[in-house]
């Protein structure tokens, strides 16, 4: 599974999206426990509202997404 490079830039960690874990057939709750047991944590992106003129840009809101912040050394265990 490819790490998500656009969120949580804490040195020595990688971020993995919960949705990718689910797409791969993983158990998101079991992954959260595994991550926490290795010094990582679960976080969530913030939603935002896009402003603009016209139907294409008018008032869309992003959906927040949960992700796991995993210490890189835990990935080799």
N, C-alpha and C. Protein backbone atom coordinates (compact mmCIF):
# COMPACT_ATOMS: atom_id res chain seq x y z
N UNK A 1 0.85 -1.18 0.00
CA UNK A 1 0.00 0.00 0.00
C UNK A 1 0.90 1.23 0.00
N UNK A 2 0.62 2.17 -0.88
CA UNK A 2 1.41 3.40 -0.98
C UNK A 2 1.04 4.37 0.14
N UNK A 3 2.05 4.94 0.81
CA UNK A 3 1.75 5.96 1.82
C UNK A 3 1.19 7.21 1.16
N UNK A 4 0.40 7.93 1.91
CA UNK A 4 -0.15 9.20 1.44
C UNK A 4 0.84 10.30 1.80
N UNK A 5 1.41 10.93 0.79
CA UNK A 5 2.47 11.91 1.03
C UNK A 5 1.94 13.31 1.29
N UNK A 6 0.65 13.53 1.13
CA UNK A 6 0.12 14.89 1.22
C UNK A 6 -0.43 15.25 2.59
N UNK A 7 -0.39 14.37 3.56
CA UNK A 7 -0.88 14.67 4.90
C UNK A 7 0.14 14.24 5.95
N UNK A 8 0.10 14.90 7.08
CA UNK A 8 0.97 14.66 8.24
C UNK A 8 2.43 14.46 7.85
N UNK A 9 3.15 15.54 7.82
CA UNK A 9 4.55 15.51 7.42
C UNK A 9 5.48 15.42 8.63
N UNK A 10 5.07 14.75 9.69
CA UNK A 10 5.91 14.57 10.86
C UNK A 10 7.13 13.75 10.45
N UNK A 11 8.34 14.24 10.73
CA UNK A 11 9.54 13.48 10.36
C UNK A 11 9.52 12.08 10.98
N UNK A 12 9.93 11.09 10.20
CA UNK A 12 10.01 9.72 10.69
C UNK A 12 8.69 8.98 10.67
N UNK A 13 7.68 9.53 10.00
CA UNK A 13 6.38 8.86 9.91
C UNK A 13 5.88 8.87 8.47
N UNK A 14 4.93 8.00 8.21
CA UNK A 14 4.18 8.02 6.95
C UNK A 14 2.70 8.02 7.31
N UNK A 15 1.89 8.53 6.40
CA UNK A 15 0.44 8.57 6.62
C UNK A 15 -0.22 7.61 5.64
N UNK A 16 -1.12 6.79 6.15
CA UNK A 16 -1.87 5.84 5.33
C UNK A 16 -3.35 6.14 5.48
N UNK A 17 -4.04 6.31 4.37
CA UNK A 17 -5.47 6.61 4.41
C UNK A 17 -6.28 5.39 4.82
N UNK A 18 -7.24 5.59 5.68
CA UNK A 18 -8.15 4.52 6.10
C UNK A 18 -8.88 3.93 4.90
N UNK A 19 -9.27 4.78 3.96
CA UNK A 19 -10.00 4.30 2.78
C UNK A 19 -9.16 3.32 1.96
N UNK A 20 -7.85 3.52 1.92
CA UNK A 20 -6.99 2.59 1.19
C UNK A 20 -6.86 1.27 1.92
N UNK A 21 -6.86 1.31 3.24
CA UNK A 21 -6.84 0.07 4.02
C UNK A 21 -8.12 -0.72 3.74
N UNK A 22 -9.25 -0.03 3.73
CA UNK A 22 -10.53 -0.68 3.46
C UNK A 22 -10.58 -1.24 2.04
N UNK A 23 -10.07 -0.48 1.05
CA UNK A 23 -10.04 -0.94 -0.34
C UNK A 23 -9.20 -2.19 -0.49
N UNK A 24 -8.14 -2.31 0.31
CA UNK A 24 -7.25 -3.47 0.25
C UNK A 24 -7.82 -4.66 1.01
N UNK A 25 -8.98 -4.49 1.64
CA UNK A 25 -9.61 -5.58 2.38
C UNK A 25 -9.17 -5.69 3.83
N UNK A 26 -8.47 -4.66 4.31
CA UNK A 26 -8.00 -4.67 5.69
C UNK A 26 -9.08 -4.27 6.68
N UNK A 27 -8.85 -4.61 7.93
CA UNK A 27 -9.76 -4.25 9.02
C UNK A 27 -9.26 -2.93 9.60
N UNK A 28 -9.97 -1.81 9.37
CA UNK A 28 -9.48 -0.51 9.82
C UNK A 28 -9.30 -0.40 11.33
N UNK A 29 -10.14 -1.07 12.10
CA UNK A 29 -10.00 -1.02 13.56
C UNK A 29 -8.77 -1.79 14.02
N UNK A 30 -8.50 -2.93 13.41
CA UNK A 30 -7.30 -3.71 13.74
C UNK A 30 -6.04 -2.94 13.36
N UNK A 31 -6.07 -2.26 12.22
CA UNK A 31 -4.93 -1.44 11.79
C UNK A 31 -4.71 -0.31 12.78
N UNK A 32 -5.78 0.33 13.25
CA UNK A 32 -5.65 1.42 14.22
C UNK A 32 -4.98 0.92 15.50
N UNK A 33 -5.38 -0.24 15.98
CA UNK A 33 -4.76 -0.81 17.19
C UNK A 33 -3.29 -1.12 16.96
N UNK A 34 -2.97 -1.68 15.79
CA UNK A 34 -1.58 -2.01 15.45
C UNK A 34 -0.74 -0.73 15.42
N UNK A 35 -1.27 0.32 14.80
CA UNK A 35 -0.56 1.60 14.69
C UNK A 35 -0.32 2.18 16.08
N UNK A 36 -1.34 2.21 16.92
CA UNK A 36 -1.22 2.77 18.27
C UNK A 36 -0.23 1.98 19.11
N UNK A 37 -0.19 0.66 18.95
CA UNK A 37 0.73 -0.18 19.72
C UNK A 37 2.18 0.07 19.34
N UNK A 38 2.41 0.70 18.19
CA UNK A 38 3.76 0.97 17.72
C UNK A 38 4.11 2.46 17.77
N UNK A 39 3.35 3.21 18.56
CA UNK A 39 3.67 4.62 18.78
C UNK A 39 3.07 5.58 17.77
N UNK A 40 2.21 5.09 16.90
CA UNK A 40 1.54 5.96 15.93
C UNK A 40 0.20 6.43 16.46
N UNK A 41 -0.56 7.06 15.61
CA UNK A 41 -1.88 7.52 16.01
C UNK A 41 -2.80 7.65 14.80
N UNK A 42 -4.07 7.80 15.09
CA UNK A 42 -5.08 8.00 14.06
C UNK A 42 -5.43 9.48 14.05
N UNK A 43 -5.56 10.04 12.86
CA UNK A 43 -5.89 11.45 12.73
C UNK A 43 -6.93 11.61 11.62
N UNK A 44 -7.36 12.82 11.38
CA UNK A 44 -8.39 13.07 10.37
C UNK A 44 -8.11 14.40 9.69
N UNK A 45 -8.27 14.42 8.36
CA UNK A 45 -8.11 15.67 7.63
C UNK A 45 -9.28 16.58 7.98
N UNK A 46 -9.08 17.87 7.81
CA UNK A 46 -10.16 18.81 8.04
C UNK A 46 -10.93 19.04 6.76
N UNK A 47 -12.23 19.12 6.88
CA UNK A 47 -13.02 19.44 5.70
C UNK A 47 -12.90 20.94 5.43
N UNK A 48 -13.12 21.33 4.22
CA UNK A 48 -13.08 22.74 3.87
C UNK A 48 -14.17 23.02 2.84
N UNK A 49 -14.49 24.25 2.71
CA UNK A 49 -15.54 24.68 1.77
C UNK A 49 -14.89 25.50 0.67
N UNK A 50 -15.11 25.08 -0.57
CA UNK A 50 -14.60 25.82 -1.72
C UNK A 50 -15.58 26.91 -2.08
N UNK A 51 -15.06 28.08 -2.28
CA UNK A 51 -15.89 29.19 -2.69
C UNK A 51 -15.56 29.55 -4.13
N UNK A 52 -16.54 29.99 -4.84
CA UNK A 52 -16.31 30.41 -6.21
C UNK A 52 -17.61 30.85 -6.85
N UNK A 53 -17.49 31.27 -8.07
CA UNK A 53 -18.63 31.76 -8.81
C UNK A 53 -19.03 30.72 -9.84
N UNK A 54 -20.32 30.50 -9.98
CA UNK A 54 -20.81 29.58 -10.99
C UNK A 54 -21.09 28.20 -10.42
N UNK A 55 -21.81 27.42 -11.21
CA UNK A 55 -22.22 26.09 -10.77
C UNK A 55 -21.03 25.16 -10.54
N UNK A 56 -19.97 25.36 -11.29
CA UNK A 56 -18.80 24.49 -11.17
C UNK A 56 -18.11 24.63 -9.82
N UNK A 57 -18.06 25.82 -9.28
CA UNK A 57 -17.32 26.06 -8.05
C UNK A 57 -18.20 26.41 -6.85
N UNK A 58 -19.44 26.60 -7.04
CA UNK A 58 -20.30 27.15 -6.00
C UNK A 58 -20.46 26.30 -4.76
N UNK A 59 -19.77 26.65 -3.71
CA UNK A 59 -20.02 26.12 -2.39
C UNK A 59 -19.84 24.63 -2.17
N UNK A 60 -18.88 24.01 -2.78
CA UNK A 60 -18.64 22.59 -2.51
C UNK A 60 -17.87 22.43 -1.21
N UNK A 61 -18.12 21.33 -0.55
CA UNK A 61 -17.41 21.05 0.69
C UNK A 61 -16.70 19.72 0.56
N UNK A 62 -15.45 19.67 1.01
CA UNK A 62 -14.71 18.41 0.97
C UNK A 62 -15.16 17.54 2.15
N UNK A 63 -14.92 16.28 2.02
CA UNK A 63 -15.22 15.34 3.10
C UNK A 63 -13.93 15.07 3.85
N UNK A 64 -13.97 15.13 5.18
CA UNK A 64 -12.77 14.81 5.95
C UNK A 64 -12.52 13.31 5.85
N UNK A 65 -11.26 12.95 5.94
CA UNK A 65 -10.88 11.55 5.79
C UNK A 65 -9.94 11.13 6.91
N UNK A 66 -10.17 9.98 7.46
CA UNK A 66 -9.35 9.46 8.54
C UNK A 66 -8.09 8.83 7.96
N UNK A 67 -6.98 8.97 8.69
CA UNK A 67 -5.72 8.35 8.26
C UNK A 67 -4.91 7.93 9.48
N UNK A 68 -3.96 7.03 9.23
CA UNK A 68 -3.08 6.51 10.26
C UNK A 68 -1.71 7.14 10.09
N UNK A 69 -1.11 7.61 11.18
CA UNK A 69 0.25 8.14 11.17
C UNK A 69 1.13 7.05 11.77
N UNK A 70 1.99 6.48 10.94
CA UNK A 70 2.77 5.30 11.32
C UNK A 70 4.26 5.65 11.35
N UNK A 71 4.94 5.35 12.46
CA UNK A 71 6.40 5.54 12.48
C UNK A 71 7.03 4.62 11.42
N UNK A 72 7.98 5.15 10.66
CA UNK A 72 8.57 4.36 9.57
C UNK A 72 9.25 3.10 10.07
N UNK A 73 9.84 3.13 11.26
CA UNK A 73 10.51 1.92 11.77
C UNK A 73 9.51 0.80 12.05
N UNK A 74 8.25 1.14 12.31
CA UNK A 74 7.21 0.11 12.56
C UNK A 74 6.88 -0.66 11.29
N UNK A 75 7.12 -0.06 10.13
CA UNK A 75 6.78 -0.72 8.88
C UNK A 75 7.71 -1.88 8.56
N UNK A 76 8.89 -1.90 9.17
CA UNK A 76 9.82 -2.99 8.91
C UNK A 76 9.67 -4.14 9.90
N UNK A 77 8.73 -4.03 10.83
CA UNK A 77 8.52 -5.07 11.85
C UNK A 77 7.62 -6.16 11.33
